[in-house]
C-alpha atoms as a PDB file:
ATOM      1  CA  MET A   1      -9.978 -12.354 -27.243  1.00  0.00           C
ATOM      2  CA  ASP A   2      -7.021 -11.683 -24.959  1.00  0.00           C
ATOM      3  CA  ASP A   3      -5.315  -8.505 -26.185  1.00  0.00           C
ATOM      4  CA  ASN A   4      -2.169  -9.248 -24.181  1.00  0.00           C
ATOM      5  CA  ASN A   5      -1.815 -12.608 -25.918  1.00  0.00           C
ATOM      6  CA  LEU A   6      -2.315 -11.022 -29.344  1.00  0.00           C
ATOM      7  CA  ILE A   7       0.330  -8.396 -28.646  1.00  0.00           C
ATOM      8  CA  ASP A   8       2.716 -11.076 -27.400  1.00  0.00           C
ATOM      9  CA  MET A   9       2.178 -13.097 -30.588  1.00  0.00           C
ATOM     10  CA  ALA A  10       2.614  -9.995 -32.766  1.00  0.00           C
ATOM     11  CA  ASN A  11       5.809  -9.089 -30.895  1.00  0.00           C
ATOM     12  CA  ARG A  12       7.211 -12.567 -31.579  1.00  0.00           C
ATOM     13  CA  ILE A  13       6.378 -12.158 -35.278  1.00  0.00           C
ATOM     14  CA  GLY A  14       8.038  -8.745 -35.138  1.00  0.00           C
ATOM     15  CA  ASP A  15      11.157 -10.175 -33.499  1.00  0.00           C
ATOM     16  CA  PHE A  16      11.480 -12.702 -36.315  1.00  0.00           C
ATOM     17  CA  PHE A  17      11.103 -10.209 -39.165  1.00  0.00           C
ATOM     18  CA  ASP A  18      13.114  -7.482 -37.422  1.00  0.00           C
ATOM     19  CA  SER A  19      16.218  -9.527 -38.237  1.00  0.00           C
ATOM     20  CA  LEU A  20      15.776  -8.741 -41.947  1.00  0.00           C
ATOM     21  CA  PRO A  21      18.390  -6.247 -43.160  1.00  0.00           C
ATOM     22  CA  ASP A  22      15.772  -4.088 -44.944  1.00  0.00           C
ATOM     23  CA  HIS A  23      13.553  -2.309 -42.406  1.00  0.00           C
ATOM     24  CA  GLU A  24      10.729  -1.634 -44.875  1.00  0.00           C
ATOM     25  CA  GLU A  25      10.695  -5.280 -45.915  1.00  0.00           C
ATOM     26  CA  ALA A  26      10.434  -6.276 -42.257  1.00  0.00           C
ATOM     27  CA  VAL A  27       7.528  -3.880 -41.633  1.00  0.00           C
ATOM     28  CA  THR A  28       5.685  -5.141 -44.712  1.00  0.00           C
ATOM     29  CA  SER A  29       6.398  -8.795 -43.867  1.00  0.00           C
ATOM     30  CA  ILE A  30       4.922  -8.421 -40.378  1.00  0.00           C
ATOM     31  CA  ALA A  31       1.704  -7.001 -41.799  1.00  0.00           C
ATOM     32  CA  ASP A  32       1.583  -9.632 -44.526  1.00  0.00           C
ATOM     33  CA  HIS A  33       2.001 -12.445 -42.012  1.00  0.00           C
ATOM     34  CA  ILE A  34      -0.774 -11.086 -39.789  1.00  0.00           C
ATOM     35  CA  ARG A  35      -3.086 -10.528 -42.769  1.00  0.00           C
ATOM     36  CA  ARG A  36      -2.523 -14.032 -44.149  1.00  0.00           C
ATOM     37  CA  PHE A  37      -2.558 -16.090 -40.957  1.00  0.00           C
ATOM     38  CA  TRP A  38      -4.703 -14.265 -38.402  1.00  0.00           C
ATOM     39  CA  GLU A  39      -8.447 -14.573 -38.553  1.00  0.00           C
ATOM     40  CA  PRO A  40     -10.484 -11.348 -38.917  1.00  0.00           C
ATOM     41  CA  ARG A  41     -11.521 -11.081 -35.264  1.00  0.00           C
ATOM     42  CA  MET A  42      -7.871 -11.322 -34.185  1.00  0.00           C
ATOM     43  CA  ARG A  43      -6.905  -8.541 -36.615  1.00  0.00           C
ATOM     44  CA  ARG A  44      -9.801  -6.360 -35.439  1.00  0.00           C
ATOM     45  CA  ALA A  45      -8.766  -6.872 -31.814  1.00  0.00           C
ATOM     46  CA  ILE A  46      -5.090  -5.998 -32.288  1.00  0.00           C
ATOM     47  CA  LEU A  47      -5.942  -2.961 -34.404  1.00  0.00           C
ATOM     48  CA  ALA A  48      -8.294  -1.812 -31.641  1.00  0.00           C
ATOM     49  CA  THR A  49      -5.359  -1.803 -29.194  1.00  0.00           C
ATOM     50  CA  LEU A  50      -3.808   0.989 -31.273  1.00  0.00           C
ATOM     51  CA  ASP A  51      -6.774   3.192 -30.360  1.00  0.00           C
ATOM     52  CA  THR A  52      -6.600   2.486 -26.609  1.00  0.00           C
ATOM     53  CA  PRO A  53      -3.001   3.044 -25.471  1.00  0.00           C
ATOM     54  CA  GLY A  54      -2.179   1.714 -22.043  1.00  0.00           C
ATOM     55  CA  ALA A  55      -5.122  -0.693 -22.026  1.00  0.00           C
ATOM     56  CA  THR A  56      -2.870  -3.760 -22.066  1.00  0.00           C
ATOM     57  CA  GLU A  57      -0.154  -5.023 -19.761  1.00  0.00           C
ATOM     58  CA  ILE A  58       2.213  -6.018 -22.560  1.00  0.00           C
ATOM     59  CA  VAL A  59       3.948  -3.282 -24.531  1.00  0.00           C
ATOM     60  CA  MET A  60       3.789  -3.575 -28.305  1.00  0.00           C
ATOM     61  CA  SER A  61       7.196  -3.399 -29.965  1.00  0.00           C
ATOM     62  CA  ASP A  62       7.972  -0.370 -32.093  1.00  0.00           C
ATOM     63  CA  ILE A  63       8.284  -2.330 -35.339  1.00  0.00           C
ATOM     64  CA  VAL A  64       4.948  -4.083 -34.805  1.00  0.00           C
ATOM     65  CA  ARG A  65       3.222  -0.780 -34.021  1.00  0.00           C
ATOM     66  CA  GLU A  66       4.787   0.778 -37.124  1.00  0.00           C
ATOM     67  CA  SER A  67       3.617  -2.146 -39.247  1.00  0.00           C
ATOM     68  CA  LEU A  68       0.051  -2.065 -37.912  1.00  0.00           C
ATOM     69  CA  VAL A  69      -0.248   1.694 -38.356  1.00  0.00           C
ATOM     70  CA  LYS A  70       1.290   1.724 -41.836  1.00  0.00           C
ATOM     71  CA  HIS A  71      -0.768  -1.228 -43.088  1.00  0.00           C
ATOM     72  CA  ARG A  72      -3.947  -0.675 -41.089  1.00  0.00           C
ATOM     73  CA  ASP A  73      -6.183  -0.437 -44.157  1.00  0.00           C
ATOM     74  CA  ASP A  74      -4.857  -3.732 -45.566  1.00  0.00           C
ATOM     75  CA  LEU A  75      -5.236  -5.464 -42.202  1.00  0.00           C
ATOM     76  CA  THR A  76      -8.771  -4.272 -41.501  1.00  0.00           C
ATOM     77  CA  PRO A  77     -11.177  -7.099 -42.377  1.00  0.00           C
ATOM     78  CA  VAL A  78     -13.856  -6.360 -44.916  1.00  0.00           C
ATOM     79  CA  ALA A  79     -17.330  -6.181 -43.387  1.00  0.00           C
ATOM     80  CA  ALA A  80     -19.452  -9.214 -44.222  1.00  0.00           C
END
């Protein structure tokens, strides 16, 4: 799984929802989109990037980071 690609995709999702007038709605919508449309291994990989700052070439946008941190429990896949 390419972490840089995941961050780039998450940033594009963040750019879309950042246009919402309500910041909290945007943060929640980003997490909801990732939870609904990303497979578990993708969610695990992007959440792991939060624990290893500087490990990727692409910088995660502030709103995406906020969304992942705030909704980390909801985004973490349930163990099989």
